Amino acid sequence: MDFYTESLLDIPEEISEVPFTRMEERIKDELKEDFMKLKERVGEEYFEKYFNSLIRINKHEKDLLIITSRESHRSIIMREFFDHIKEVFNVNNIIIAKQ
């Protein structure tokens, strides 16, 4: 049992922890303008809580994929901000998934 515990804690040097970076700092240039418009629409408080914590946003033509880390955030974004997202990003289809 000691061997098992030691092997779990023996983490290779290639693996390191990287602090989370806000979406506002990571978003692709082609989506940045729309993302900032969304910030104006939803307000600073909601934007920080639900959008700056997103894992990823990808857009292809009229489709948008949003990946969030929490199921509760996914549900709230779908319920409260779906129409804002659709208008701001000018898309027809939005998929919001939890990682």
PDB file of N, CA and C in Angstrom:
ATOM      1  N   MET A   1       0.819  -1.195   0.000  1.00  0.00           N
ATOM      2  CA  MET A   1       0.000   0.000   0.000  1.00  0.00           C
ATOM      3  C   MET A   1       0.866   1.262   0.000  1.00  0.00           C
ATOM      4  N   ASP A   2       1.999   1.233   0.682  1.00  0.00           N
ATOM      5  CA  ASP A   2       2.900   2.378   0.678  1.00  0.00           C
ATOM      6  C   ASP A   2       3.432   2.648  -0.731  1.00  0.00           C
ATOM      7  N   PHE A   3       3.729   1.581  -1.456  1.00  0.00           N
ATOM      8  CA  PHE A   3       4.225   1.724  -2.824  1.00  0.00           C
ATOM      9  C   PHE A   3       3.191   2.441  -3.697  1.00  0.00           C
ATOM     10  N   TYR A   4       1.925   2.070  -3.556  1.00  0.00           N
ATOM     11  CA  TYR A   4       0.849   2.673  -4.338  1.00  0.00           C
ATOM     12  C   TYR A   4       0.749   4.169  -4.029  1.00  0.00           C
ATOM     13  N   THR A   5       0.786   4.533  -2.766  1.00  0.00           N
ATOM     14  CA  THR A   5       0.699   5.930  -2.367  1.00  0.00           C
ATOM     15  C   THR A   5       1.880   6.713  -2.913  1.00  0.00           C
ATOM     16  N   GLU A   6       3.056   6.174  -2.834  1.00  0.00           N
ATOM     17  CA  GLU A   6       4.248   6.855  -3.331  1.00  0.00           C
ATOM     18  C   GLU A   6       4.164   7.063  -4.850  1.00  0.00           C
ATOM     19  N   SER A   7       3.657   6.083  -5.575  1.00  0.00           N
ATOM     20  CA  SER A   7       3.580   6.213  -7.026  1.00  0.00           C
ATOM     21  C   SER A   7       2.552   7.271  -7.435  1.00  0.00           C
ATOM     22  N   LEU A   8       1.510   7.450  -6.651  1.00  0.00           N
ATOM     23  CA  LEU A   8       0.523   8.485  -6.954  1.00  0.00           C
ATOM     24  C   LEU A   8       1.120   9.877  -6.780  1.00  0.00           C
ATOM     25  N   LEU A   9       2.015  10.010  -5.832  1.00  0.00           N
ATOM     26  CA  LEU A   9       2.603  11.313  -5.553  1.00  0.00           C
ATOM     27  C   LEU A   9       3.849  11.590  -6.394  1.00  0.00           C
ATOM     28  N   ASP A  10       4.300  10.607  -7.125  1.00  0.00           N
ATOM     29  CA  ASP A  10       5.487  10.759  -7.954  1.00  0.00           C
ATOM     30  C   ASP A  10       5.086  11.358  -9.304  1.00  0.00           C
ATOM     31  N   ILE A  11       4.926  12.671  -9.329  1.00  0.00           N
ATOM     32  CA  ILE A  11       4.449  13.377 -10.518  1.00  0.00           C
ATOM     33  C   ILE A  11       5.648  13.752 -11.386  1.00  0.00           C
ATOM     34  N   PRO A  12       5.604  13.416 -12.667  1.00  0.00           N
ATOM     35  CA  PRO A  12       6.722  13.760 -13.566  1.00  0.00           C
ATOM     36  C   PRO A  12       6.936  15.273 -13.636  1.00  0.00           C
ATOM     37  N   GLU A  13       8.153  15.673 -13.868  1.00  0.00           N
ATOM     38  CA  GLU A  13       8.495  17.092 -13.952  1.00  0.00           C
ATOM     39  C   GLU A  13       7.808  17.783 -15.127  1.00  0.00           C
ATOM     40  N   GLU A  14       7.463  17.028 -16.174  1.00  0.00           N
ATOM     41  CA  GLU A  14       6.822  17.606 -17.349  1.00  0.00           C
ATOM     42  C   GLU A  14       5.423  18.142 -17.044  1.00  0.00           C
ATOM     43  N   ILE A  15       4.830  17.674 -15.969  1.00  0.00           N
ATOM     44  CA  ILE A  15       3.485  18.099 -15.599  1.00  0.00           C
ATOM     45  C   ILE A  15       3.614  19.230 -14.589  1.00  0.00           C
ATOM     46  N   SER A  16       2.956  20.334 -14.895  1.00  0.00           N
ATOM     47  CA  SER A  16       2.999  21.467 -13.985  1.00  0.00           C
ATOM     48  C   SER A  16       1.622  22.111 -13.898  1.00  0.00           C
ATOM     49  N   GLU A  17       1.425  22.863 -12.865  1.00  0.00           N
ATOM     50  CA  GLU A  17       0.156  23.554 -12.660  1.00  0.00           C
ATOM     51  C   GLU A  17       0.276  24.957 -13.230  1.00  0.00           C
ATOM     52  N   VAL A  18      -0.743  25.352 -13.991  1.00  0.00           N
ATOM     53  CA  VAL A  18      -0.772  26.681 -14.590  1.00  0.00           C
ATOM     54  C   VAL A  18      -1.998  27.401 -14.046  1.00  0.00           C
ATOM     55  N   PRO A  19      -1.837  28.616 -13.551  1.00  0.00           N
ATOM     56  CA  PRO A  19      -3.003  29.335 -13.031  1.00  0.00           C
ATOM     57  C   PRO A  19      -4.023  29.626 -14.132  1.00  0.00           C
ATOM     58  N   PHE A  20      -5.295  29.644 -13.763  1.00  0.00           N
ATOM     59  CA  PHE A  20      -6.373  29.908 -14.713  1.00  0.00           C
ATOM     60  C   PHE A  20      -6.297  31.358 -15.179  1.00  0.00           C
ATOM     61  N   THR A  21      -6.433  31.562 -16.476  1.00  0.00           N
ATOM     62  CA  THR A  21      -6.433  32.896 -17.070  1.00  0.00           C
ATOM     63  C   THR A  21      -7.851  33.218 -17.514  1.00  0.00           C
ATOM     64  N   ARG A  22      -8.297  34.417 -17.224  1.00  0.00           N
ATOM     65  CA  ARG A  22      -9.660  34.831 -17.578  1.00  0.00           C
ATOM     66  C   ARG A  22      -9.859  34.788 -19.094  1.00  0.00           C
ATOM     67  N   MET A  23     -11.082  34.463 -19.496  1.00  0.00           N
ATOM     68  CA  MET A  23     -11.416  34.361 -20.922  1.00  0.00           C
ATOM     69  C   MET A  23     -11.132  35.672 -21.655  1.00  0.00           C
ATOM     70  N   GLU A  24     -11.348  36.780 -20.999  1.00  0.00           N
ATOM     71  CA  GLU A  24     -11.122  38.096 -21.586  1.00  0.00           C
ATOM     72  C   GLU A  24      -9.670  38.235 -22.082  1.00  0.00           C
ATOM     73  N   GLU A  25      -8.748  37.579 -21.425  1.00  0.00           N
ATOM     74  CA  GLU A  25      -7.341  37.637 -21.795  1.00  0.00           C
ATOM     75  C   GLU A  25      -6.955  36.567 -22.819  1.00  0.00           C
ATOM     76  N   ARG A  26      -7.768  35.510 -22.935  1.00  0.00           N
ATOM     77  CA  ARG A  26      -7.426  34.382 -23.816  1.00  0.00           C
ATOM     78  C   ARG A  26      -8.205  34.339 -25.110  1.00  0.00           C
ATOM     79  N   ILE A  27      -9.283  35.077 -25.208  1.00  0.00           N
ATOM     80  CA  ILE A  27     -10.191  34.931 -26.349  1.00  0.00           C
ATOM     81  C   ILE A  27      -9.490  35.286 -27.663  1.00  0.00           C
ATOM     82  N   LYS A  28      -9.866  34.591 -28.711  1.00  0.00           N
ATOM     83  CA  LYS A  28      -9.293  34.832 -30.041  1.00  0.00           C
ATOM     84  C   LYS A  28      -9.611  36.260 -30.493  1.00  0.00           C
ATOM     85  N   ASP A  29      -8.689  36.836 -31.226  1.00  0.00           N
ATOM     86  CA  ASP A  29      -8.852  38.215 -31.690  1.00  0.00           C
ATOM     87  C   ASP A  29     -10.141  38.436 -32.472  1.00  0.00           C
ATOM     88  N   GLU A  30     -10.516  37.468 -33.301  1.00  0.00           N
ATOM     89  CA  GLU A  30     -11.713  37.647 -34.134  1.00  0.00           C
ATOM     90  C   GLU A  30     -13.012  37.629 -33.328  1.00  0.00           C
ATOM     91  N   LEU A  31     -12.964  37.160 -32.073  1.00  0.00           N
ATOM     92  CA  LEU A  31     -14.152  37.141 -31.218  1.00  0.00           C
ATOM     93  C   LEU A  31     -14.108  38.202 -30.120  1.00  0.00           C
ATOM     94  N   LYS A  32     -12.983  38.859 -29.970  1.00  0.00           N
ATOM     95  CA  LYS A  32     -12.788  39.782 -28.845  1.00  0.00           C
ATOM     96  C   LYS A  32     -13.784  40.940 -28.851  1.00  0.00           C
ATOM     97  N   GLU A  33     -14.018  41.551 -30.004  1.00  0.00           N
ATOM     98  CA  GLU A  33     -14.936  42.688 -30.090  1.00  0.00           C
ATOM     99  C   GLU A  33     -16.350  42.283 -29.652  1.00  0.00           C
ATOM    100  N   ASP A  34     -16.824  41.148 -30.147  1.00  0.00           N
ATOM    101  CA  ASP A  34     -18.153  40.669 -29.766  1.00  0.00           C
ATOM    102  C   ASP A  34     -18.204  40.305 -28.283  1.00  0.00           C
ATOM    103  N   PHE A  35     -17.127  39.737 -27.784  1.00  0.00           N
ATOM    104  CA  PHE A  35     -17.063  39.364 -26.369  1.00  0.00           C
ATOM    105  C   PHE A  35     -17.168  40.609 -25.483  1.00  0.00           C
ATOM    106  N   MET A  36     -16.556  41.698 -25.894  1.00  0.00           N
ATOM    107  CA  MET A  36     -16.632  42.942 -25.132  1.00  0.00           C
ATOM    108  C   MET A  36     -18.029  43.563 -25.231  1.00  0.00           C
ATOM    109  N   LYS A  37     -18.693  43.379 -26.371  1.00  0.00           N
ATOM    110  CA  LYS A  37     -20.082  43.834 -26.504  1.00  0.00           C
ATOM    111  C   LYS A  37     -20.978  43.059 -25.537  1.00  0.00           C
ATOM    112  N   LEU A  38     -20.706  41.761 -25.411  1.00  0.00           N
ATOM    113  CA  LEU A  38     -21.465  40.937 -24.479  1.00  0.00           C
ATOM    114  C   LEU A  38     -21.271  41.442 -23.052  1.00  0.00           C
ATOM    115  N   LYS A  39     -20.067  41.846 -22.731  1.00  0.00           N
ATOM    116  CA  LYS A  39     -19.759  42.383 -21.398  1.00  0.00           C
ATOM    117  C   LYS A  39     -20.617  43.609 -21.109  1.00  0.00           C
ATOM    118  N   GLU A  40     -20.758  44.496 -22.090  1.00  0.00           N
ATOM    119  CA  GLU A  40     -21.602  45.693 -21.941  1.00  0.00           C
ATOM    120  C   GLU A  40     -23.063  45.310 -21.742  1.00  0.00           C
ATOM    121  N   ARG A  41     -23.516  44.302 -22.488  1.00  0.00           N
ATOM    122  CA  ARG A  41     -24.918  43.868 -22.433  1.00  0.00           C
ATOM    123  C   ARG A  41     -25.306  43.266 -21.095  1.00  0.00           C
ATOM    124  N   VAL A  42     -24.471  42.361 -20.591  1.00  0.00           N
ATOM    125  CA  VAL A  42     -24.860  41.600 -19.399  1.00  0.00           C
ATOM    126  C   VAL A  42     -24.434  42.281 -18.105  1.00  0.00           C
ATOM    127  N   GLY A  43     -23.506  43.212 -18.178  1.00  0.00           N
ATOM    128  CA  GLY A  43     -23.037  43.895 -16.982  1.00  0.00           C
ATOM    129  C   GLY A  43     -21.805  43.219 -16.397  1.00  0.00           C
ATOM    130  N   GLU A  44     -21.010  44.009 -15.707  1.00  0.00           N
ATOM    131  CA  GLU A  44     -19.715  43.570 -15.174  1.00  0.00           C
ATOM    132  C   GLU A  44     -19.840  42.358 -14.238  1.00  0.00           C
ATOM    133  N   GLU A  45     -20.799  42.400 -13.327  1.00  0.00           N
ATOM    134  CA  GLU A  45     -20.934  41.324 -12.324  1.00  0.00           C
ATOM    135  C   GLU A  45     -21.230  39.976 -12.974  1.00  0.00           C
ATOM    136  N   TYR A  46     -22.212  39.925 -13.856  1.00  0.00           N
ATOM    137  CA  TYR A  46     -22.570  38.668 -14.520  1.00  0.00           C
ATOM    138  C   TYR A  46     -21.481  38.211 -15.486  1.00  0.00           C
ATOM    139  N   PHE A  47     -20.871  39.177 -16.149  1.00  0.00           N
ATOM    140  CA  PHE A  47     -19.806  38.854 -17.091  1.00  0.00           C
ATOM    141  C   PHE A  47     -18.649  38.164 -16.372  1.00  0.00           C
ATOM    142  N   GLU A  48     -18.226  38.724 -15.254  1.00  0.00           N
ATOM    143  CA  GLU A  48     -17.117  38.135 -14.495  1.00  0.00           C
ATOM    144  C   GLU A  48     -17.467  36.724 -14.020  1.00  0.00           C
ATOM    145  N   LYS A  49     -18.665  36.573 -13.527  1.00  0.00           N
ATOM    146  CA  LYS A  49     -19.063  35.279 -12.938  1.00  0.00           C
ATOM    147  C   LYS A  49     -19.270  34.194 -13.987  1.00  0.00           C
ATOM    148  N   TYR A  50     -19.963  34.506 -15.071  1.00  0.00           N
ATOM    149  CA  TYR A  50     -20.374  33.474 -16.024  1.00  0.00           C
ATOM    150  C   TYR A  50     -19.554  33.408 -17.313  1.00  0.00           C
ATOM    151  N   PHE A  51     -18.958  34.496 -17.722  1.00  0.00           N
ATOM    152  CA  PHE A  51     -18.281  34.510 -19.026  1.00  0.00           C
ATOM    153  C   PHE A  51     -16.760  34.567 -18.931  1.00  0.00           C
ATOM    154  N   ASN A  52     -16.229  35.295 -17.980  1.00  0.00           N
ATOM    155  CA  ASN A  52     -14.772  35.353 -17.857  1.00  0.00           C
ATOM    156  C   ASN A  52     -14.203  34.054 -17.309  1.00  0.00           C
ATOM    157  N   SER A  53     -15.061  33.215 -16.772  1.00  0.00           N
ATOM    158  CA  SER A  53     -14.620  31.921 -16.240  1.00  0.00           C
ATOM    159  C   SER A  53     -14.799  30.782 -17.246  1.00  0.00           C
ATOM    160  N   LEU A  54     -15.205  31.101 -18.472  1.00  0.00           N
ATOM    161  CA  LEU A  54     -15.410  30.065 -19.486  1.00  0.00           C
ATOM    162  C   LEU A  54     -14.095  29.390 -19.852  1.00  0.00           C
ATOM    163  N   ILE A  55     -14.212  28.139 -20.276  1.00  0.00           N
ATOM    164  CA  ILE A  55     -13.043  27.386 -20.708  1.00  0.00           C
ATOM    165  C   ILE A  55     -12.716  27.709 -22.167  1.00  0.00           C
ATOM    166  N   ARG A  56     -13.753  27.807 -22.994  1.00  0.00           N
ATOM    167  CA  ARG A  56     -13.509  28.037 -24.427  1.00  0.00           C
ATOM    168  C   ARG A  56     -14.750  28.606 -25.099  1.00  0.00           C
ATOM    169  N   ILE A  57     -14.509  29.392 -26.159  1.00  0.00           N
ATOM    170  CA  ILE A  57     -15.557  29.853 -27.076  1.00  0.00           C
ATOM    171  C   ILE A  57     -15.003  29.676 -28.483  1.00  0.00           C
ATOM    172  N   ASN A  58     -15.740  28.962 -29.309  1.00  0.00           N
ATOM    173  CA  ASN A  58     -15.366  28.774 -30.716  1.00  0.00           C
ATOM    174  C   ASN A  58     -16.552  29.154 -31.589  1.00  0.00           C
ATOM    175  N   LYS A  59     -16.257  29.837 -32.685  1.00  0.00           N
ATOM    176  CA  LYS A  59     -17.302  30.207 -33.636  1.00  0.00           C
ATOM    177  C   LYS A  59     -16.898  29.715 -35.013  1.00  0.00           C
ATOM    178  N   HIS A  60     -17.874  29.110 -35.692  1.00  0.00           N
ATOM    179  CA  HIS A  60     -17.694  28.690 -37.084  1.00  0.00           C
ATOM    180  C   HIS A  60     -18.941  29.106 -37.845  1.00  0.00           C
ATOM    181  N   GLU A  61     -18.762  30.099 -38.704  1.00  0.00           N
ATOM    182  CA  GLU A  61     -19.859  30.652 -39.485  1.00  0.00           C
ATOM    183  C   GLU A  61     -20.993  31.089 -38.565  1.00  0.00           C
ATOM    184  N   LYS A  62     -22.121  30.386 -38.557  1.00  0.00           N
ATOM    185  CA  LYS A  62     -23.274  30.788 -37.742  1.00  0.00           C
ATOM    186  C   LYS A  62     -23.469  29.882 -36.514  1.00  0.00           C
ATOM    187  N   ASP A  63     -22.418  29.147 -36.149  1.00  0.00           N
ATOM    188  CA  ASP A  63     -22.475  28.245 -35.002  1.00  0.00           C
ATOM    189  C   ASP A  63     -21.489  28.705 -33.935  1.00  0.00           C
ATOM    190  N   LEU A  64     -21.904  28.595 -32.666  1.00  0.00           N
ATOM    191  CA  LEU A  64     -21.055  28.991 -31.556  1.00  0.00           C
ATOM    192  C   LEU A  64     -21.030  27.871 -30.528  1.00  0.00           C
ATOM    193  N   LEU A  65     -19.831  27.533 -30.082  1.00  0.00           N
ATOM    194  CA  LEU A  65     -19.643  26.532 -29.040  1.00  0.00           C
ATOM    195  C   LEU A  65     -19.052  27.228 -27.825  1.00  0.00           C
ATOM    196  N   ILE A  66     -19.708  27.054 -26.687  1.00  0.00           N
ATOM    197  CA  ILE A  66     -19.240  27.615 -25.422  1.00  0.00           C
ATOM    198  C   ILE A  66     -19.025  26.461 -24.460  1.00  0.00           C
ATOM    199  N   ILE A  67     -17.847  26.410 -23.842  1.00  0.00           N
ATOM    200  CA  ILE A  67     -17.554  25.356 -22.870  1.00  0.00           C
ATOM    201  C   ILE A  67     -17.312  26.005 -21.517  1.00  0.00           C
ATOM    202  N   THR A  68     -18.058  25.541 -20.526  1.00  0.00           N
ATOM    203  CA  THR A  68     -17.957  26.062 -19.172  1.00  0.00           C
ATOM    204  C   THR A  68     -17.531  24.949 -18.220  1.00  0.00           C
ATOM    205  N   SER A  69     -17.062  25.330 -17.070  1.00  0.00           N
ATOM    206  CA  SER A  69     -16.576  24.326 -16.114  1.00  0.00           C
ATOM    207  C   SER A  69     -17.644  23.879 -15.125  1.00  0.00           C
ATOM    208  N   ARG A  70     -18.772  24.575 -15.094  1.00  0.00           N
ATOM    209  CA  ARG A  70     -19.805  24.242 -14.103  1.00  0.00           C
ATOM    210  C   ARG A  70     -21.166  24.071 -14.768  1.00  0.00           C
ATOM    211  N   GLU A  71     -21.863  23.049 -14.364  1.00  0.00           N
ATOM    212  CA  GLU A  71     -23.205  22.791 -14.892  1.00  0.00           C
ATOM    213  C   GLU A  71     -24.159  23.925 -14.526  1.00  0.00           C
ATOM    214  N   SER A  72     -24.039  24.461 -13.330  1.00  0.00           N
ATOM    215  CA  SER A  72     -24.926  25.555 -12.916  1.00  0.00           C
ATOM    216  C   SER A  72     -24.715  26.788 -13.804  1.00  0.00           C
ATOM    217  N   HIS A  73     -23.474  27.072 -14.171  1.00  0.00           N
ATOM    218  CA  HIS A  73     -23.209  28.209 -15.064  1.00  0.00           C
ATOM    219  C   HIS A  73     -23.774  27.943 -16.454  1.00  0.00           C
ATOM    220  N   ARG A  74     -23.639  26.712 -16.936  1.00  0.00           N
ATOM    221  CA  ARG A  74     -24.202  26.352 -18.234  1.00  0.00           C
ATOM    222  C   ARG A  74     -25.703  26.604 -18.260  1.00  0.00           C
ATOM    223  N   SER A  75     -26.386  26.169 -17.216  1.00  0.00           N
ATOM    224  CA  SER A  75     -27.841  26.345 -17.136  1.00  0.00           C
ATOM    225  C   SER A  75     -28.238  27.818 -17.091  1.00  0.00           C
ATOM    226  N   ILE A  76     -27.524  28.595 -16.309  1.00  0.00           N
ATOM    227  CA  ILE A  76     -27.848  30.023 -16.179  1.00  0.00           C
ATOM    228  C   ILE A  76     -27.565  30.759 -17.486  1.00  0.00           C
ATOM    229  N   ILE A  77     -26.464  30.450 -18.128  1.00  0.00           N
ATOM    230  CA  ILE A  77     -26.143  31.081 -19.411  1.00  0.00           C
ATOM    231  C   ILE A  77     -27.230  30.763 -20.438  1.00  0.00           C
ATOM    232  N   MET A  78     -27.661  29.503 -20.484  1.00  0.00           N
ATOM    233  CA  MET A  78     -28.736  29.098 -21.413  1.00  0.00           C
ATOM    234  C   MET A  78     -30.027  29.862 -21.117  1.00  0.00           C
ATOM    235  N   ARG A  79     -30.386  29.928 -19.857  1.00  0.00           N
ATOM    236  CA  ARG A  79     -31.667  30.514 -19.465  1.00  0.00           C
ATOM    237  C   ARG A  79     -31.667  32.043 -19.548  1.00  0.00           C
ATOM    238  N   GLU A  80     -30.625  32.676 -19.063  1.00  0.00           N
ATOM    239  CA  GLU A  80     -30.630  34.130 -18.905  1.00  0.00           C
ATOM    240  C   GLU A  80     -29.964  34.905 -20.046  1.00  0.00           C
ATOM    241  N   PHE A  81     -28.978  34.315 -20.718  1.00  0.00           N
ATOM    242  CA  PHE A  81     -28.163  35.091 -21.645  1.00  0.00           C
ATOM    243  C   PHE A  81     -28.165  34.574 -23.074  1.00  0.00           C
ATOM    244  N   PHE A  82     -28.940  33.539 -23.361  1.00  0.00           N
ATOM    245  CA  PHE A  82     -28.943  32.901 -24.680  1.00  0.00           C
ATOM    246  C   PHE A  82     -29.210  33.912 -25.798  1.00  0.00           C
ATOM    247  N   ASP A  83     -30.266  34.720 -25.651  1.00  0.00           N
ATOM    248  CA  ASP A  83     -30.628  35.681 -26.708  1.00  0.00           C
ATOM    249  C   ASP A  83     -29.558  36.755 -26.882  1.00  0.00           C
ATOM    250  N   HIS A  84     -28.955  37.208 -25.788  1.00  0.00           N
ATOM    251  CA  HIS A  84     -27.873  38.197 -25.873  1.00  0.00           C
ATOM    252  C   HIS A  84     -26.690  37.627 -26.660  1.00  0.00           C
ATOM    253  N   ILE A  85     -26.326  36.403 -26.357  1.00  0.00           N
ATOM    254  CA  ILE A  85     -25.201  35.757 -27.032  1.00  0.00           C
ATOM    255  C   ILE A  85     -25.489  35.620 -28.525  1.00  0.00           C
ATOM    256  N   LYS A  86     -26.692  35.181 -28.837  1.00  0.00           N
ATOM    257  CA  LYS A  86     -27.099  34.975 -30.231  1.00  0.00           C
ATOM    258  C   LYS A  86     -27.010  36.281 -31.029  1.00  0.00           C
ATOM    259  N   GLU A  87     -27.478  37.368 -30.443  1.00  0.00           N
ATOM    260  CA  GLU A  87     -27.445  38.666 -31.116  1.00  0.00           C
ATOM    261  C   GLU A  87     -26.026  39.207 -31.240  1.00  0.00           C
ATOM    262  N   VAL A  88     -25.301  39.202 -30.153  1.00  0.00           N
ATOM    263  CA  VAL A  88     -23.960  39.803 -30.123  1.00  0.00           C
ATOM    264  C   VAL A  88     -23.002  39.078 -31.066  1.00  0.00           C
ATOM    265  N   PHE A  89     -23.033  37.753 -31.070  1.00  0.00           N
ATOM    266  CA  PHE A  89     -22.111  36.982 -31.911  1.00  0.00           C
ATOM    267  C   PHE A  89     -22.679  36.709 -33.304  1.00  0.00           C
ATOM    268  N   ASN A  90     -23.938  37.117 -33.541  1.00  0.00           N
ATOM    269  CA  ASN A  90     -24.592  36.947 -34.833  1.00  0.00           C
ATOM    270  C   ASN A  90     -24.541  35.487 -35.293  1.00  0.00           C
ATOM    271  N   VAL A  91     -25.105  34.612 -34.464  1.00  0.00           N
ATOM    272  CA  VAL A  91     -25.129  33.185 -34.764  1.00  0.00           C
ATOM    273  C   VAL A  91     -26.562  32.662 -34.733  1.00  0.00           C
ATOM    274  N   ASN A  92     -26.763  31.513 -35.372  1.00  0.00           N
ATOM    275  CA  ASN A  92     -28.069  30.850 -35.364  1.00  0.00           C
ATOM    276  C   ASN A  92     -28.122  29.724 -34.343  1.00  0.00           C
ATOM    277  N   ASN A  93     -26.995  29.066 -34.146  1.00  0.00           N
ATOM    278  CA  ASN A  93     -26.945  27.897 -33.269  1.00  0.00           C
ATOM    279  C   ASN A  93     -25.900  28.103 -32.178  1.00  0.00           C
ATOM    280  N   ILE A  94     -26.288  27.766 -30.947  1.00  0.00           N
ATOM    281  CA  ILE A  94     -25.361  27.861 -29.822  1.00  0.00           C
ATOM    282  C   ILE A  94     -25.395  26.536 -29.070  1.00  0.00           C
ATOM    283  N   ILE A  95     -24.230  25.988 -28.845  1.00  0.00           N
ATOM    284  CA  ILE A  95     -24.101  24.809 -28.004  1.00  0.00           C
ATOM    285  C   ILE A  95     -23.316  25.236 -26.767  1.00  0.00           C
ATOM    286  N   ILE A  96     -23.881  24.993 -25.606  1.00  0.00           N
ATOM    287  CA  ILE A  96     -23.198  25.306 -24.360  1.00  0.00           C
ATOM    288  C   ILE A  96     -22.997  23.986 -23.622  1.00  0.00           C
ATOM    289  N   ALA A  97     -21.748  23.629 -23.413  1.00  0.00           N
ATOM    290  CA  ALA A  97     -21.416  22.344 -22.791  1.00  0.00           C
ATOM    291  C   ALA A  97     -20.593  22.559 -21.538  1.00  0.00           C
ATOM    292  N   LYS A  98     -20.685  21.594 -20.636  1.00  0.00           N
ATOM    293  CA  LYS A  98     -19.856  21.584 -19.441  1.00  0.00           C
ATOM    294  C   LYS A  98     -18.716  20.612 -19.664  1.00  0.00           C
ATOM    295  N   GLN A  99     -17.511  21.047 -19.329  1.00  0.00           N
ATOM    296  CA  GLN A  99     -16.349  20.177 -19.513  1.00  0.00           C
ATOM    297  C   GLN A  99     -16.292  19.136 -18.423  1.00  0.00           C
TER     298      GLN A  99
END
